[in-house]
Amino acid sequence: MPQLMKHVGKYGEKPCVVVFREVPNEPENCLIVQTSGLDPVQHDALMEVIQSPEAQEANDISQVLNRRQFRDGENMLNSMHFGKKLSKVPVSQVSLTPTPSHSVPLAEVNAEIHKLSGGYVPPMTDESHLKDGVSVDTQPATEAESDTPAEPSEAQSLVFQAQLMKEDAERMVAEAEAKLAQAYAIDPSLQPKKRGRPKKA
């Protein structure tokens, strides 16, 4: 059985990495990186991360990319975001390719995950599944059906956004403290004087 690979797929016929299966509050859209649009160094570094055990065990590849750096030291997620490599595209136009010879629509994967109301699961898990496929009703859910899964999905998105913001804040504080330490090492007179109570006469 070929090894299953999470997070990789195709946008139309172009290979891509699915960074966000759904855009928060926009479940009809996702965020991808078209790997053909990356320079060779970035492409190789990204695919090396995608194939790592950490990435394959992760529910959201974006969390892993936010912890990794390209060889030039740039944070992977930030670099692709500010470099305009992240593209928002309709979920309906993206398929995951767990193996080179098998493809499953991202919309079906998202629908299954919403049913589970849990974390990410690989779209295919065994030979019979790969062979037979899974029939998933992709028609819009009724109001009663959609109320239950929508809440955990939105909550998970908010938690993830909060985690990213917290990590960014912690990283910025650490960088600021490092720069201050460097400045004080160059010119100790800039270091704030410790204030204490004046000695009693």
Foldseek 3Di string as FASTA:
>chain_A
DDFFFPQWWDQQNFTWGFQALADQVGRQKGKIFRLVPDDPQLSVVVVVQSPDPVNRPDLGNNVVQQVDARPVRHRRNVCCVVVVRIDIDGQQRIWHPRDPVAIGRSLQQVVVCLVVLDTHDDLDDDDVCRVPPDDDDSPDDDPVVPVVSVVSVNVVVVVVVVVSVVVVVVVVVVVVVVVVVVVCVVPVVPDDDDDDDDDDD
